[in-house]
Structure formats: C-alpha cells, structure tokens
C-alpha cells in the first residue's frame, strides 16, 4: 500500500506512514453530513445499490492532496442496462457482418470453383 501524501510504500495494516508520519483522518458521517461532504467517502450498501440500480454513475472529488474520479458502468445480464444492450447489439451486428463479408464470399468462391471444376471435367471426358 502507498501513502497518499508522500507516495512511498507503507505496510498494509499501518495507519500512519512510517516515512512522513501522515495518518488519514477517518470519520463516520451521518447521512446528512455525508450529503454535504465534499471529499471522498466510503458509502454504505443501500446507497451503493441505489446508485447502481441504473447501472451507471460518476463521482469526482478534488482537493489539495488528491484527485479522484470514479466511473461505474454495469454490464450485468440481470439488470439489462443501456450499456449491456448496446454491447449485445454490437456483438450481433459484428456476427452478421462476419457472415456477410467473410463466410458468404468464401462459400460463393467454393461453389464457383466446384462448378468450374465440374465443367472442366465434363469437357475433358466428353
């Protein structure tokens, strides 16, 4: 784990940085305080579920020693969100394009070669 102040390596379970002595101040906020707070928060499950219900949210926080931008996009199959549908549509269109532009021309070439070979064989053994 790295110190958020000096950036040097510190132990995973150390509260204060052994190099610069920085110890983050962690406070539990009430729901009202959390709504007014401008810094980074760790949200409880009900708030996370509310934001994830639509499958997408963004959060940005900046300060003197940090800059955080979170973008959450859900591609789960149960929610059927907008991005999941777009991804499925693109996959289906890609499959259709592969059939039209790869498989169909190859099949037509094979059929044409077989027909031409059949004509050559008929002409030779006539």
Protein backbone atom coordinates (compact mmCIF):
# COMPACT_ATOMS: atom_id res chain seq x y z
CA UNK A 1 0.00 0.00 0.00
CA UNK A 2 1.26 3.51 -0.75
CA UNK A 3 0.97 6.64 1.38
CA UNK A 4 -1.50 9.11 -0.14
CA UNK A 5 0.66 12.03 1.00
CA UNK A 6 4.30 11.12 0.12
CA UNK A 7 3.62 8.14 -2.21
CA UNK A 8 6.12 5.81 -0.53
CA UNK A 9 5.40 2.18 0.35
CA UNK A 10 3.86 1.54 3.76
CA UNK A 11 2.54 -1.61 5.43
CA UNK A 12 -0.94 -2.86 4.57
CA UNK A 13 -2.15 -2.55 8.17
CA UNK A 14 -0.26 0.63 9.14
CA UNK A 15 -2.44 3.62 9.95
CA UNK A 16 0.37 6.20 9.81
CA UNK A 17 3.08 6.39 7.15
CA UNK A 18 6.49 5.37 8.60
CA UNK A 19 8.25 7.80 6.22
CA UNK A 20 6.34 11.08 6.59
CA UNK A 21 4.06 10.33 9.56
CA UNK A 22 0.86 11.15 7.65
CA UNK A 23 -2.21 9.46 9.12
CA UNK A 24 -5.53 9.93 7.31
CA UNK A 25 -8.34 11.23 9.48
CA UNK A 26 -11.23 8.77 9.16
CA UNK A 27 -14.63 9.89 10.47
CA UNK A 28 -18.02 8.19 10.32
CA UNK A 29 -20.55 10.66 8.91
CA UNK A 30 -24.29 10.79 9.42
CA UNK A 31 -26.43 10.70 6.24
CA UNK A 32 -26.95 14.49 6.47
CA UNK A 33 -23.23 15.15 6.89
CA UNK A 34 -22.42 12.78 4.04
CA UNK A 35 -24.68 14.73 1.65
CA UNK A 36 -22.84 17.99 2.46
CA UNK A 37 -19.31 16.49 2.48
CA UNK A 38 -17.11 17.44 -0.50
CA UNK A 39 -14.35 14.83 -0.02
CA UNK A 40 -14.04 11.10 -0.66
CA UNK A 41 -16.45 8.83 1.22
CA UNK A 42 -16.92 5.09 1.53
CA UNK A 43 -20.61 4.54 1.05
CA UNK A 44 -22.87 2.05 2.79
CA UNK A 45 -24.60 -0.74 0.86
CA UNK A 46 -28.02 0.90 0.47
CA UNK A 47 -26.51 4.00 -1.17
CA UNK A 48 -24.37 1.86 -3.49
CA UNK A 49 -27.37 -0.21 -4.52
CA UNK A 50 -29.40 2.94 -5.20
CA UNK A 51 -26.70 4.34 -7.48
CA UNK A 52 -26.06 1.02 -9.20
CA UNK A 53 -29.76 0.47 -9.91
CA UNK A 54 -29.46 2.35 -13.20
CA UNK A 55 -26.12 0.67 -14.00
CA UNK A 56 -24.06 3.85 -14.31
CA UNK A 57 -22.81 6.66 -12.12
CA UNK A 58 -19.89 9.08 -11.91
CA UNK A 59 -18.27 10.80 -8.93
CA UNK A 60 -15.46 13.36 -8.90
CA UNK A 61 -13.59 14.73 -5.89
CA UNK A 62 -10.58 17.03 -5.89
CA UNK A 63 -8.54 18.53 -3.09
CA UNK A 64 -5.02 19.76 -2.28
CA UNK A 65 -3.56 16.25 -1.99
CA UNK A 66 -5.90 14.17 -4.09
CA UNK A 67 -7.95 13.93 -7.25
CA UNK A 68 -10.45 11.09 -7.59
CA UNK A 69 -12.79 10.29 -10.46
CA UNK A 70 -14.97 7.20 -10.29
CA UNK A 71 -17.00 5.92 -13.22
CA UNK A 72 -19.10 2.83 -12.65
CA UNK A 73 -20.67 1.10 -15.64
CA UNK A 74 -22.60 -2.11 -15.11
CA UNK A 75 -22.58 -4.81 -17.77
CA UNK A 76 -24.52 -7.36 -15.76
CA UNK A 77 -27.02 -9.56 -17.57
CA UNK A 78 -29.72 -9.29 -14.90
CA UNK A 79 -30.10 -5.51 -14.95
CA UNK A 80 -30.45 -5.21 -18.71
CA UNK A 81 -28.91 -1.75 -18.57
CA UNK A 82 -28.35 0.56 -21.50
CA UNK A 83 -24.67 -0.35 -21.95
CA UNK A 84 -25.42 -4.08 -21.81
CA UNK A 85 -27.95 -3.69 -24.60
CA UNK A 86 -25.53 -1.65 -26.70
CA UNK A 87 -22.83 -4.29 -26.22
CA UNK A 88 -25.19 -7.12 -27.24
CA UNK A 89 -26.38 -5.21 -30.32
CA UNK A 90 -22.76 -4.56 -31.40
CA UNK A 91 -21.92 -8.25 -30.95
CA UNK A 92 -24.89 -9.33 -33.07
CA UNK A 93 -24.05 -6.77 -35.78
CA UNK A 94 -20.43 -7.97 -35.77
CA UNK A 95 -21.58 -11.58 -36.21
CA UNK A 96 -23.88 -10.63 -39.11
CA UNK A 97 -21.08 -8.60 -40.74
CA UNK A 98 -18.71 -11.58 -40.42
CA UNK A 99 -21.28 -13.80 -42.12
CA UNK A 100 -21.91 -11.34 -44.94
CA UNK A 101 -18.35 -10.24 -45.62
CA UNK A 102 -16.37 -13.41 -44.82
CA UNK A 103 -18.43 -16.60 -44.77
CA UNK A 104 -20.76 -15.80 -47.71
CA UNK A 105 -17.99 -14.77 -50.14
CA UNK A 106 -15.95 -17.85 -49.17
CA UNK A 107 -18.97 -20.09 -49.76
CA UNK A 108 -19.61 -18.45 -53.14
CA UNK A 109 -15.94 -18.94 -54.14
CA UNK A 110 -16.08 -22.61 -53.15
CA UNK A 111 -19.31 -23.10 -55.14
CA UNK A 112 -17.84 -21.29 -58.18
CA UNK A 113 -14.65 -23.39 -58.06
CA UNK A 114 -16.71 -26.60 -57.75
CA UNK A 115 -18.90 -25.59 -60.71
CA UNK A 116 -15.86 -24.68 -62.79
CA UNK A 117 -14.17 -27.97 -61.92
CA UNK A 118 -17.33 -29.81 -62.90
CA UNK A 119 -17.36 -28.08 -66.31
CA UNK A 120 -13.67 -28.81 -66.89
CA UNK A 121 -14.17 -32.49 -66.03
CA UNK A 122 -17.17 -32.71 -68.44
CA UNK A 123 -15.15 -31.09 -71.23
CA UNK A 124 -12.15 -33.36 -70.70
CA UNK A 125 -14.14 -36.64 -70.57
CA UNK A 126 -16.54 -35.86 -73.38
